[in-house]
């Protein structure tokens, strides 16, 4: 069994299914993105670029479309970014000040 990193391109059936789902989600907005392009060439390019991602990563991207791109379909780079979203960066300063606020409330006998 090949992993995504071993593939040079995703199977065309996978890309066809992905494009079908994007078309169902966004309607003509998705099709209009490629109006002046050869569809087979666009699909082949997406298949090549998306081969770097695992099946769970592709699912992550699809699952996040409704919140990340509710009105307009993502471009290929945007879709790739959805596959591997950046980890939530911890805001240590905000957490510290929130903890201090809670301690002050508790010292006064307040809850919260």
C-alpha atoms as a PDB file:
ATOM      1  CA  UNK A   1       0.000   0.000   0.000  1.00  0.00           C
ATOM      2  CA  UNK A   2       1.342   3.408  -0.956  1.00  0.00           C
ATOM      3  CA  UNK A   3       1.245   6.407   1.333  1.00  0.00           C
ATOM      4  CA  UNK A   4       0.417   9.883   0.095  1.00  0.00           C
ATOM      5  CA  UNK A   5       4.095  10.837   0.119  1.00  0.00           C
ATOM      6  CA  UNK A   6       4.904   7.946  -2.226  1.00  0.00           C
ATOM      7  CA  UNK A   7       2.297   8.947  -4.781  1.00  0.00           C
ATOM      8  CA  UNK A   8       3.096  11.355  -7.562  1.00  0.00           C
ATOM      9  CA  UNK A   9      -0.607  12.147  -7.917  1.00  0.00           C
ATOM     10  CA  UNK A  10      -3.837  11.162  -6.251  1.00  0.00           C
ATOM     11  CA  UNK A  11      -6.020   8.731  -8.195  1.00  0.00           C
ATOM     12  CA  UNK A  12      -8.279  10.502 -10.665  1.00  0.00           C
ATOM     13  CA  UNK A  13     -11.339   8.941  -8.996  1.00  0.00           C
ATOM     14  CA  UNK A  14     -10.412  10.732  -5.759  1.00  0.00           C
ATOM     15  CA  UNK A  15     -10.045  14.072  -7.534  1.00  0.00           C
ATOM     16  CA  UNK A  16     -13.309  13.538  -9.413  1.00  0.00           C
ATOM     17  CA  UNK A  17     -15.052  12.905  -6.085  1.00  0.00           C
ATOM     18  CA  UNK A  18     -13.401  15.949  -4.497  1.00  0.00           C
ATOM     19  CA  UNK A  19     -14.406  18.192  -7.390  1.00  0.00           C
ATOM     20  CA  UNK A  20     -17.951  16.799  -7.317  1.00  0.00           C
ATOM     21  CA  UNK A  21     -18.249  17.603  -3.609  1.00  0.00           C
ATOM     22  CA  UNK A  22     -16.850  21.088  -4.098  1.00  0.00           C
ATOM     23  CA  UNK A  23     -19.280  21.648  -6.983  1.00  0.00           C
ATOM     24  CA  UNK A  24     -22.194  20.460  -4.848  1.00  0.00           C
ATOM     25  CA  UNK A  25     -21.090  22.720  -2.013  1.00  0.00           C
ATOM     26  CA  UNK A  26     -20.359  25.866  -4.031  1.00  0.00           C
ATOM     27  CA  UNK A  27     -22.300  25.373  -7.254  1.00  0.00           C
ATOM     28  CA  UNK A  28     -21.235  27.503 -10.196  1.00  0.00           C
ATOM     29  CA  UNK A  29     -18.793  29.467  -8.052  1.00  0.00           C
ATOM     30  CA  UNK A  30     -16.470  26.470  -8.113  1.00  0.00           C
ATOM     31  CA  UNK A  31     -16.947  25.757 -11.815  1.00  0.00           C
ATOM     32  CA  UNK A  32     -16.438  29.440 -12.669  1.00  0.00           C
ATOM     33  CA  UNK A  33     -12.994  29.367 -11.051  1.00  0.00           C
ATOM     34  CA  UNK A  34     -11.861  27.104 -13.905  1.00  0.00           C
ATOM     35  CA  UNK A  35     -14.009  28.507 -16.704  1.00  0.00           C
ATOM     36  CA  UNK A  36     -11.032  29.454 -18.880  1.00  0.00           C
ATOM     37  CA  UNK A  37      -9.010  26.341 -18.043  1.00  0.00           C
ATOM     38  CA  UNK A  38      -9.030  22.788 -19.287  1.00  0.00           C
ATOM     39  CA  UNK A  39     -10.780  20.799 -16.544  1.00  0.00           C
ATOM     40  CA  UNK A  40      -8.560  17.746 -17.022  1.00  0.00           C
ATOM     41  CA  UNK A  41      -5.445  19.889 -16.597  1.00  0.00           C
ATOM     42  CA  UNK A  42      -6.836  21.521 -13.454  1.00  0.00           C
ATOM     43  CA  UNK A  43      -7.734  18.138 -11.958  1.00  0.00           C
ATOM     44  CA  UNK A  44      -4.310  16.709 -12.829  1.00  0.00           C
ATOM     45  CA  UNK A  45      -2.598  19.653 -11.145  1.00  0.00           C
ATOM     46  CA  UNK A  46      -4.729  19.298  -7.993  1.00  0.00           C
ATOM     47  CA  UNK A  47      -4.052  15.532  -7.998  1.00  0.00           C
ATOM     48  CA  UNK A  48      -0.314  16.161  -8.148  1.00  0.00           C
ATOM     49  CA  UNK A  49      -0.265  18.793  -5.397  1.00  0.00           C
ATOM     50  CA  UNK A  50      -2.669  16.949  -3.079  1.00  0.00           C
ATOM     51  CA  UNK A  51      -0.611  13.738  -3.237  1.00  0.00           C
ATOM     52  CA  UNK A  52       1.512  15.215  -0.450  1.00  0.00           C
ATOM     53  CA  UNK A  53      -1.406  14.889   1.982  1.00  0.00           C
ATOM     54  CA  UNK A  54      -2.835  11.903   3.801  1.00  0.00           C
ATOM     55  CA  UNK A  55      -6.462  10.826   3.638  1.00  0.00           C
ATOM     56  CA  UNK A  56      -7.155  12.186   7.157  1.00  0.00           C
ATOM     57  CA  UNK A  57      -5.615  15.527   6.158  1.00  0.00           C
ATOM     58  CA  UNK A  58      -7.829  15.709   3.079  1.00  0.00           C
ATOM     59  CA  UNK A  59     -10.840  14.941   5.278  1.00  0.00           C
ATOM     60  CA  UNK A  60      -9.776  17.708   7.660  1.00  0.00           C
ATOM     61  CA  UNK A  61      -9.854  20.155   4.768  1.00  0.00           C
ATOM     62  CA  UNK A  62     -13.267  18.991   3.586  1.00  0.00           C
ATOM     63  CA  UNK A  63     -14.695  19.100   7.109  1.00  0.00           C
ATOM     64  CA  UNK A  64     -13.509  22.662   7.663  1.00  0.00           C
ATOM     65  CA  UNK A  65     -14.914  24.132   4.441  1.00  0.00           C
ATOM     66  CA  UNK A  66     -18.228  25.174   5.975  1.00  0.00           C
ATOM     67  CA  UNK A  67     -16.551  27.317   8.617  1.00  0.00           C
ATOM     68  CA  UNK A  68     -13.426  28.455   6.795  1.00  0.00           C
ATOM     69  CA  UNK A  69     -14.961  29.114   3.361  1.00  0.00           C
ATOM     70  CA  UNK A  70     -18.729  29.337   3.807  1.00  0.00           C
ATOM     71  CA  UNK A  71     -19.411  31.445   0.713  1.00  0.00           C
ATOM     72  CA  UNK A  72     -16.592  30.931  -1.768  1.00  0.00           C
ATOM     73  CA  UNK A  73     -14.627  27.834  -2.733  1.00  0.00           C
ATOM     74  CA  UNK A  74     -10.984  27.650  -1.759  1.00  0.00           C
ATOM     75  CA  UNK A  75      -8.177  27.893  -4.248  1.00  0.00           C
ATOM     76  CA  UNK A  76      -5.682  25.035  -4.346  1.00  0.00           C
ATOM     77  CA  UNK A  77      -3.245  26.783  -1.944  1.00  0.00           C
ATOM     78  CA  UNK A  78      -6.135  27.558   0.419  1.00  0.00           C
ATOM     79  CA  UNK A  79      -7.301  23.943   0.280  1.00  0.00           C
ATOM     80  CA  UNK A  80      -3.754  22.755   1.021  1.00  0.00           C
ATOM     81  CA  UNK A  81      -3.614  25.069   4.039  1.00  0.00           C
ATOM     82  CA  UNK A  82      -6.867  23.522   5.294  1.00  0.00           C
ATOM     83  CA  UNK A  83      -5.278  20.072   5.111  1.00  0.00           C
ATOM     84  CA  UNK A  84      -2.674  21.033   7.699  1.00  0.00           C
ATOM     85  CA  UNK A  85      -4.026  23.905   9.751  1.00  0.00           C
ATOM     86  CA  UNK A  86      -1.483  25.635  11.959  1.00  0.00           C
ATOM     87  CA  UNK A  87      -1.543  24.580  15.580  1.00  0.00           C
ATOM     88  CA  UNK A  88      -3.310  26.978  17.855  1.00  0.00           C
ATOM     89  CA  UNK A  89      -0.584  29.183  19.209  1.00  0.00           C
ATOM     90  CA  UNK A  90      -0.809  29.617  22.930  1.00  0.00           C
ATOM     91  CA  UNK A  91      -1.157  33.164  24.120  1.00  0.00           C
ATOM     92  CA  UNK A  92       0.808  32.795  27.340  1.00  0.00           C
ATOM     93  CA  UNK A  93       0.436  36.431  28.344  1.00  0.00           C
ATOM     94  CA  UNK A  94      -3.334  36.331  28.060  1.00  0.00           C
ATOM     95  CA  UNK A  95      -3.463  33.064  30.018  1.00  0.00           C
ATOM     96  CA  UNK A  96      -1.262  34.537  32.753  1.00  0.00           C
ATOM     97  CA  UNK A  97      -3.397  37.650  33.166  1.00  0.00           C
ATOM     98  CA  UNK A  98      -6.585  35.611  33.159  1.00  0.00           C
ATOM     99  CA  UNK A  99      -5.151  33.366  35.889  1.00  0.00           C
ATOM    100  CA  UNK A 100      -4.165  36.420  37.940  1.00  0.00           C
ATOM    101  CA  UNK A 101      -7.666  37.850  37.591  1.00  0.00           C
ATOM    102  CA  UNK A 102      -9.194  34.577  38.799  1.00  0.00           C
ATOM    103  CA  UNK A 103      -6.790  34.447  41.779  1.00  0.00           C
ATOM    104  CA  UNK A 104      -7.751  37.995  42.776  1.00  0.00           C
ATOM    105  CA  UNK A 105     -11.450  37.100  42.620  1.00  0.00           C
ATOM    106  CA  UNK A 106     -10.910  34.028  44.773  1.00  0.00           C
ATOM    107  CA  UNK A 107      -8.856  35.960  47.317  1.00  0.00           C
ATOM    108  CA  UNK A 108     -11.865  38.255  47.730  1.00  0.00           C
ATOM    109  CA  UNK A 109     -14.081  35.229  48.196  1.00  0.00           C
ATOM    110  CA  UNK A 110     -15.674  35.524  44.760  1.00  0.00           C
ATOM    111  CA  UNK A 111     -16.154  32.653  42.373  1.00  0.00           C
ATOM    112  CA  UNK A 112     -14.686  32.971  38.918  1.00  0.00           C
END
